[in-house]
Amino acid sequence: MTTKGPIEFYFDYSSPYGYVAATRIEDIGAAHGREVVWKPILLGVVFRATQSAPLTEVPLKGDYSKHDFARTCRYYNVPFKFPAKFPIASQAPARGHYWLWEQDPALAKRFSLAAFTAYFVDGRDVSAPEIAADVAAEQGVDRDAFLAAIAAPENKERLKAETEAALAKGVFGSPFMIVDGEPFWGSDRLPMLSAWLERGGW
């Protein structure tokens, strides 16, 4: 019996398209019998590697991107409000995710989805450790333990290593999915990802 490999789901909490993907990726995995491994990364590091910048800061693309963020969320019927502070550095929730993942992957996923919602629906700045910890506490996580974890050197190093490993695999944006060695970039590739799994590739 052949074991089906997981969907590796790479994202940054400051990515609106990552947020959209986070609301849908588990359904895609479940529909095709694939585990989804959530892997937050740092887009700032990615941008340095690709010599690029956030879409909103690119001439001409900036206004379109803001329009498309909202339109994409309406298309998928996902609530969205463009946050007052954008983009953000996402070290705090990302470190917290990996700490939680080692204990309970399902809880880590719930936290990450809640962090996305806190930022892109409620306008809460989850880059702030205190706010990230509040979101974690709302998912039943010990707040003080979370704050200690995201300040711990081993969790800082874990996030750095995960981001470097993602770059080594060719990951250059958020969301980015890899399944059976096949890469898919962007929330607009979610239907193609699903079809690839359904058809066994083409």
Protein backbone atom coordinates (compact mmCIF):
# COMPACT_ATOMS: atom_id res chain seq x y z
CA MET A 1 0.00 0.00 0.00
CA THR A 2 1.45 3.33 -1.07
CA THR A 3 1.35 6.08 1.52
CA LYS A 4 0.10 9.37 0.17
CA GLY A 5 2.46 12.22 0.98
CA PRO A 6 1.29 15.37 2.72
CA ILE A 7 0.54 18.77 1.26
CA GLU A 8 3.21 21.15 2.51
CA PHE A 9 1.53 24.52 3.01
CA TYR A 10 3.93 27.48 3.24
CA PHE A 11 2.58 30.89 4.25
CA ASP A 12 3.23 34.19 5.98
CA TYR A 13 0.63 35.72 8.31
CA SER A 14 0.97 39.07 6.54
CA SER A 15 -0.16 37.53 3.22
CA PRO A 16 -3.82 38.08 2.27
CA TYR A 17 -3.57 35.27 -0.26
CA GLY A 18 -2.03 33.09 2.43
CA TYR A 19 -5.08 33.86 4.55
CA VAL A 20 -7.41 32.76 1.76
CA ALA A 21 -5.47 29.53 1.31
CA ALA A 22 -5.51 28.88 5.06
CA THR A 23 -9.32 28.88 5.01
CA ARG A 24 -9.44 26.26 2.23
CA ILE A 25 -6.37 24.04 2.34
CA GLU A 26 -7.67 21.60 4.95
CA ASP A 27 -10.80 20.91 2.89
CA ILE A 28 -8.62 20.16 -0.13
CA GLY A 29 -6.43 17.84 1.91
CA ALA A 30 -9.43 16.02 3.39
CA ALA A 31 -11.06 15.61 -0.03
CA HIS A 32 -7.99 13.79 -1.33
CA GLY A 33 -6.87 11.94 1.78
CA ARG A 34 -3.79 14.12 2.27
CA GLU A 35 -2.45 15.46 5.52
CA VAL A 36 -1.65 19.18 5.42
CA VAL A 37 1.57 20.30 7.10
CA TRP A 38 1.40 24.01 7.89
CA LYS A 39 4.77 25.79 7.59
CA PRO A 40 4.91 29.52 8.31
CA ILE A 41 7.87 31.34 6.77
CA LEU A 42 9.14 34.90 6.70
CA LEU A 43 8.35 36.75 3.49
CA GLY A 44 10.93 39.40 4.31
CA VAL A 45 13.64 36.78 3.94
CA VAL A 46 12.01 35.52 0.75
CA PHE A 47 11.87 39.04 -0.71
CA ARG A 48 15.58 39.48 -0.10
CA ALA A 49 16.30 36.18 -1.83
CA THR A 50 14.10 37.03 -4.83
CA GLN A 51 15.03 40.75 -4.92
CA SER A 52 11.35 41.63 -4.73
CA ALA A 53 8.99 43.52 -2.41
CA PRO A 54 5.45 43.36 -1.04
CA LEU A 55 2.92 43.78 -3.86
CA THR A 56 1.46 46.89 -2.26
CA GLU A 57 4.84 48.62 -2.53
CA VAL A 58 5.36 47.88 -6.23
CA PRO A 59 4.40 50.69 -8.68
CA LEU A 60 1.17 49.97 -10.61
CA LYS A 61 0.78 46.58 -8.94
CA GLY A 62 0.08 48.18 -5.56
CA ASP A 63 -3.41 49.55 -6.18
CA TYR A 64 -4.42 46.47 -8.15
CA SER A 65 -3.24 44.15 -5.39
CA LYS A 66 -5.38 45.88 -2.77
CA HIS A 67 -8.38 45.64 -5.07
CA ASP A 68 -7.66 41.99 -5.75
CA PHE A 69 -7.16 41.07 -2.09
CA ALA A 70 -10.72 42.14 -1.33
CA ARG A 71 -12.14 40.69 -4.54
CA THR A 72 -10.48 37.31 -3.95
CA CYS A 73 -11.93 37.15 -0.45
CA ARG A 74 -15.39 38.01 -1.76
CA TYR A 75 -15.02 35.31 -4.42
CA TYR A 76 -14.29 32.69 -1.76
CA ASN A 77 -16.84 34.20 0.65
CA VAL A 78 -14.11 34.87 3.21
CA PRO A 79 -14.45 37.91 5.51
CA PHE A 80 -11.72 40.50 4.96
CA LYS A 81 -10.77 43.98 6.04
CA PHE A 82 -7.49 45.46 4.89
CA PRO A 83 -5.52 46.09 8.09
CA ALA A 84 -4.34 49.55 9.12
CA LYS A 85 -0.79 48.27 9.52
CA PHE A 86 0.40 46.36 6.46
CA PRO A 87 2.56 44.43 5.97
CA ILE A 88 3.76 43.13 9.32
CA ALA A 89 6.73 41.09 10.49
CA SER A 90 5.32 37.74 11.54
CA GLN A 91 8.00 36.24 13.76
CA ALA A 92 5.81 36.10 16.87
CA PRO A 93 2.94 33.98 15.50
CA ALA A 94 5.30 31.91 13.33
CA ARG A 95 7.53 30.94 16.24
CA GLY A 96 4.43 30.20 18.29
CA HIS A 97 3.05 27.97 15.56
CA TYR A 98 6.14 25.76 15.47
CA TRP A 99 6.19 25.52 19.27
CA LEU A 100 2.55 24.44 19.25
CA TRP A 101 3.11 22.08 16.32
CA GLU A 102 5.52 20.00 18.37
CA GLN A 103 2.80 19.51 20.98
CA ASP A 104 -0.40 19.35 18.94
CA PRO A 105 -0.49 19.99 15.18
CA ALA A 106 -4.27 20.45 15.18
CA LEU A 107 -3.97 23.15 17.82
CA ALA A 108 -1.18 24.82 15.86
CA LYS A 109 -3.44 24.93 12.80
CA ARG A 110 -6.31 26.41 14.81
CA PHE A 111 -4.00 29.04 16.24
CA SER A 112 -2.64 29.98 12.82
CA LEU A 113 -6.10 30.29 11.29
CA ALA A 114 -7.17 32.38 14.29
CA ALA A 115 -4.10 34.60 13.85
CA PHE A 116 -5.00 35.16 10.20
CA THR A 117 -8.56 36.05 11.18
CA ALA A 118 -7.39 38.34 13.96
CA TYR A 119 -5.26 40.27 11.47
CA PHE A 120 -7.34 40.28 8.30
CA VAL A 121 -10.80 40.51 9.84
CA ASP A 122 -10.39 42.15 13.24
CA GLY A 123 -7.39 44.33 12.43
CA ARG A 124 -5.32 43.11 15.37
CA ASP A 125 -1.57 43.45 14.93
CA VAL A 126 -0.47 39.86 15.50
CA SER A 127 3.16 40.83 14.96
CA ALA A 128 3.08 42.10 18.55
CA PRO A 129 3.99 39.25 20.92
CA GLU A 130 1.30 40.30 23.41
CA ILE A 131 -1.42 40.19 20.77
CA ALA A 132 -0.18 36.90 19.32
CA ALA A 133 -0.29 35.53 22.85
CA ASP A 134 -3.86 36.80 23.27
CA VAL A 135 -4.87 34.92 20.12
CA ALA A 136 -3.17 31.80 21.41
CA ALA A 137 -4.93 32.12 24.77
CA GLU A 138 -8.26 32.35 22.96
CA GLN A 139 -7.46 28.88 21.57
CA GLY A 140 -6.81 27.52 25.05
CA VAL A 141 -3.03 27.97 25.10
CA ASP A 142 -1.27 29.11 28.27
CA ARG A 143 -0.48 32.74 27.53
CA ASP A 144 2.68 33.01 29.62
CA ALA A 145 4.06 29.76 28.20
CA PHE A 146 3.41 31.06 24.68
CA LEU A 147 5.25 34.33 25.38
CA ALA A 148 8.17 32.43 26.82
CA ALA A 149 8.25 30.08 23.84
CA ILE A 150 8.37 32.79 21.18
CA ALA A 151 11.28 34.43 23.01
CA ALA A 152 13.21 31.17 23.34
CA PRO A 153 16.36 30.83 21.19
CA GLU A 154 15.40 27.36 19.97
CA ASN A 155 12.11 28.60 18.53
CA LYS A 156 13.80 31.59 16.91
CA GLU A 157 16.26 29.18 15.31
CA ARG A 158 13.46 26.80 14.25
CA LEU A 159 11.71 29.54 12.27
CA LYS A 160 14.97 30.61 10.66
CA ALA A 161 15.75 27.01 9.69
CA GLU A 162 12.23 26.41 8.31
CA THR A 163 12.44 29.54 6.16
CA GLU A 164 15.86 28.56 4.83
CA ALA A 165 14.61 25.03 4.11
CA ALA A 166 11.63 26.45 2.24
CA LEU A 167 13.89 28.60 0.06
CA ALA A 168 16.04 25.54 -0.65
CA LYS A 169 12.90 23.77 -1.90
CA GLY A 170 12.12 26.66 -4.25
CA VAL A 171 9.44 28.37 -2.17
CA PHE A 172 9.27 32.05 -3.14
CA GLY A 173 5.91 33.36 -1.96
CA SER A 174 2.78 32.92 0.13
CA PRO A 175 0.84 30.75 -0.15
CA PHE A 176 3.03 28.07 -1.65
CA MET A 177 2.02 24.41 -1.69
CA ILE A 178 4.14 21.37 -2.51
CA VAL A 179 2.67 17.89 -2.87
CA ASP A 180 4.51 14.85 -4.21
CA GLY A 181 7.27 17.21 -5.31
CA GLU A 182 4.89 19.37 -7.38
CA PRO A 183 4.90 23.12 -6.49
CA PHE A 184 1.91 25.46 -6.65
CA TRP A 185 2.18 29.18 -5.90
CA GLY A 186 -0.76 31.40 -5.02
CA SER A 187 -4.32 31.05 -3.81
CA ASP A 188 -5.44 31.07 -7.44
CA ARG A 189 -3.69 27.71 -7.85
CA LEU A 190 -5.85 25.99 -5.22
CA PRO A 191 -8.29 24.64 -7.86
CA MET A 192 -5.34 23.36 -9.91
CA LEU A 193 -3.84 21.74 -6.81
CA SER A 194 -7.14 20.00 -6.17
CA ALA A 195 -7.39 18.86 -9.78
CA TRP A 196 -3.80 17.61 -9.72
CA LEU A 197 -4.61 15.44 -6.73
CA GLU A 198 -7.86 14.25 -8.31
CA ARG A 199 -6.26 13.32 -11.63
CA GLY A 200 -2.88 12.19 -10.38
CA GLY A 201 -1.13 14.94 -12.32
CA TRP A 202 -0.87 15.53 -16.04
